[in-house]
């Protein structure tokens, strides 16, 4: 049973990395300096108050993030939330984060299959690190570590 869960986590992590492979942070990377980690501000992620929605249902969300040195890849993921009778999340992409303590911008784009229209919407953003531990048979298993989250209401405007 443990092996099945471990394979599921690994598969999910691989899908996240594939989904985010074409998205990149908007700023150029800088080499992290672990010696400066005591003076760097805490990890954070924010969401801009407006997002864009195209006529085909493509949504673009953005905001800022900051993270310090990491032991594995870090991503900024974002989701639109449906808060009717069910609590559904529609993933709107992932951006690979650069963790050097600098505040940077992120932007994610994804299709919503016509579920959303211009107007008020609710968004969640997460700064997620995938670090590896030795799993069964000494194989590295990626494990998620949520470093920061934000959620807020925004306005989707037509693009």
Protein backbone atom coordinates (compact mmCIF):
# COMPACT_ATOMS: atom_id res chain seq x y z
CA UNK A 1 0.00 0.00 0.00
CA UNK A 2 2.86 2.41 0.83
CA UNK A 3 4.48 1.74 -2.55
CA UNK A 4 1.20 2.52 -4.35
CA UNK A 5 0.94 5.89 -2.55
CA UNK A 6 4.59 6.68 -3.25
CA UNK A 7 4.14 5.94 -6.95
CA UNK A 8 1.02 8.13 -6.98
CA UNK A 9 2.88 11.03 -5.38
CA UNK A 10 5.76 10.61 -7.83
CA UNK A 11 3.38 10.53 -10.80
CA UNK A 12 1.58 13.64 -9.56
CA UNK A 13 4.86 15.46 -9.09
CA UNK A 14 5.98 14.48 -12.59
CA UNK A 15 2.71 15.81 -14.06
CA UNK A 16 3.15 19.09 -12.18
CA UNK A 17 6.68 19.43 -13.54
CA UNK A 18 5.49 18.68 -17.09
CA UNK A 19 2.65 21.19 -16.80
CA UNK A 20 5.01 23.86 -15.58
CA UNK A 21 7.89 23.06 -17.91
CA UNK A 22 6.78 25.62 -20.49
CA UNK A 23 6.09 28.32 -17.91
CA UNK A 24 9.00 30.28 -16.56
CA UNK A 25 9.44 32.99 -13.97
CA UNK A 26 9.34 36.48 -15.45
CA UNK A 27 12.66 37.52 -13.91
CA UNK A 28 16.12 36.13 -14.64
CA UNK A 29 17.54 33.76 -12.01
CA UNK A 30 20.18 34.81 -9.52
CA UNK A 31 22.41 32.38 -7.64
CA UNK A 32 21.07 31.87 -4.11
CA UNK A 33 23.50 32.64 -1.31
CA UNK A 34 22.72 30.42 1.69
CA UNK A 35 24.94 32.66 3.86
CA UNK A 36 22.38 35.46 3.43
CA UNK A 37 19.38 33.29 4.38
CA UNK A 38 19.15 34.78 7.88
CA UNK A 39 18.56 38.27 6.47
CA UNK A 40 16.06 37.26 3.75
CA UNK A 41 12.35 37.87 4.34
CA UNK A 42 9.91 34.97 4.74
CA UNK A 43 8.39 33.05 1.83
CA UNK A 44 5.21 34.57 0.41
CA UNK A 45 2.89 34.53 -2.59
CA UNK A 46 0.31 37.17 -3.58
CA UNK A 47 -2.46 37.40 -6.19
CA UNK A 48 -3.16 40.47 -8.34
CA UNK A 49 -6.65 41.94 -7.93
CA UNK A 50 -7.51 41.45 -11.61
CA UNK A 51 -7.14 38.58 -14.06
CA UNK A 52 -7.81 38.22 -17.76
CA UNK A 53 -10.29 35.91 -19.49
CA UNK A 54 -10.45 35.42 -23.26
CA UNK A 55 -13.57 34.52 -25.23
CA UNK A 56 -12.33 30.89 -25.53
CA UNK A 57 -12.16 30.53 -21.71
CA UNK A 58 -8.39 31.01 -21.41
CA UNK A 59 -7.59 32.68 -18.09
CA UNK A 60 -4.39 34.49 -17.10
CA UNK A 61 -3.68 35.06 -13.40
CA UNK A 62 -0.66 36.84 -11.90
CA UNK A 63 0.91 38.10 -8.70
CA UNK A 64 4.20 38.13 -6.83
CA UNK A 65 6.22 35.62 -4.80
CA UNK A 66 9.36 35.40 -2.73
CA UNK A 67 11.19 32.32 -1.52
CA UNK A 68 14.57 31.52 -0.07
CA UNK A 69 16.99 28.78 -1.02
CA UNK A 70 15.32 25.43 -1.66
CA UNK A 71 16.44 21.81 -1.80
CA UNK A 72 14.16 20.96 -4.72
CA UNK A 73 12.19 22.65 -7.50
CA UNK A 74 9.61 25.23 -6.38
CA UNK A 75 6.49 26.19 -8.32
CA UNK A 76 3.82 28.88 -8.08
CA UNK A 77 0.49 27.23 -8.87
CA UNK A 78 -2.84 29.00 -9.20
CA UNK A 79 -6.47 27.88 -9.31
CA UNK A 80 -9.89 29.40 -9.84
CA UNK A 81 -12.39 28.23 -7.24
CA UNK A 82 -16.07 27.38 -7.79
CA UNK A 83 -17.87 27.99 -4.51
CA UNK A 84 -21.38 26.78 -5.27
CA UNK A 85 -22.65 23.49 -3.86
CA UNK A 86 -19.27 21.90 -4.44
CA UNK A 87 -15.79 23.23 -3.87
CA UNK A 88 -14.09 22.74 -7.24
CA UNK A 89 -10.63 23.97 -8.23
CA UNK A 90 -9.66 24.69 -11.83
CA UNK A 91 -5.88 24.73 -12.16
CA UNK A 92 -4.54 27.71 -14.06
CA UNK A 93 -0.96 26.66 -14.74
CA UNK A 94 2.27 26.61 -12.83
CA UNK A 95 5.41 28.72 -12.93
CA UNK A 96 8.87 27.55 -11.87
CA UNK A 97 10.00 29.80 -9.01
CA UNK A 98 13.47 31.23 -8.51
CA UNK A 99 14.27 31.03 -4.80
CA UNK A 100 16.90 33.67 -4.06
CA UNK A 101 14.97 35.84 -1.56
CA UNK A 102 14.03 38.42 -4.20
CA UNK A 103 10.37 39.40 -4.72
CA UNK A 104 9.44 38.37 -8.25
CA UNK A 105 6.34 38.27 -10.46
CA UNK A 106 4.51 35.18 -11.68
CA UNK A 107 1.90 34.70 -14.41
CA UNK A 108 -0.02 31.49 -15.18
CA UNK A 109 -2.39 30.77 -18.07
CA UNK A 110 -4.90 27.94 -18.48
CA UNK A 111 -8.22 26.97 -20.08
CA UNK A 112 -11.38 26.77 -17.97
CA UNK A 113 -13.66 24.99 -20.47
CA UNK A 114 -16.16 27.86 -20.41
CA UNK A 115 -16.89 27.53 -16.68
CA UNK A 116 -15.98 31.18 -15.91
CA UNK A 117 -17.11 34.52 -17.29
CA UNK A 118 -15.86 38.10 -16.84
CA UNK A 119 -16.71 39.34 -13.35
CA UNK A 120 -15.91 38.38 -9.77
CA UNK A 121 -13.92 35.20 -9.15
CA UNK A 122 -12.05 33.53 -6.30
CA UNK A 123 -8.39 32.51 -6.72
CA UNK A 124 -5.94 30.41 -4.71
CA UNK A 125 -2.15 30.54 -5.24
CA UNK A 126 0.42 28.21 -3.68
CA UNK A 127 4.20 28.26 -3.48
CA UNK A 128 5.04 24.52 -3.54
CA UNK A 129 8.44 22.86 -3.18
CA UNK A 130 9.11 19.30 -4.33
CA UNK A 131 11.97 17.85 -2.31
CA UNK A 132 13.23 14.30 -2.52
CA UNK A 133 13.59 11.74 0.24
CA UNK A 134 14.95 8.26 -0.17
CA UNK A 135 11.99 5.99 -0.69
CA UNK A 136 11.72 2.23 -1.11
CA UNK A 137 14.82 0.60 -2.57
CA UNK A 138 16.80 3.85 -2.13
CA UNK A 139 14.91 5.60 -4.95
CA UNK A 140 14.26 9.33 -4.49
CA UNK A 141 10.57 10.14 -4.02
CA UNK A 142 9.45 13.76 -4.60
CA UNK A 143 7.42 15.05 -1.65
CA UNK A 144 5.42 18.29 -1.60
CA UNK A 145 6.15 21.08 0.87
CA UNK A 146 3.71 24.03 0.85
CA UNK A 147 5.84 27.10 1.52
CA UNK A 148 3.17 29.83 1.22
CA UNK A 149 -0.46 30.26 0.14
CA UNK A 150 -2.85 33.10 -0.63
CA UNK A 151 -6.49 33.25 -1.60
CA UNK A 152 -8.69 36.18 -2.48
CA UNK A 153 -11.49 37.48 -4.62
CA UNK A 154 -10.47 39.07 -7.92
CA UNK A 155 -12.12 40.58 -10.98
CA UNK A 156 -11.81 38.73 -14.30
CA UNK A 157 -11.84 41.19 -17.20
CA UNK A 158 -12.16 40.38 -20.92
CA UNK A 159 -8.94 40.31 -22.87
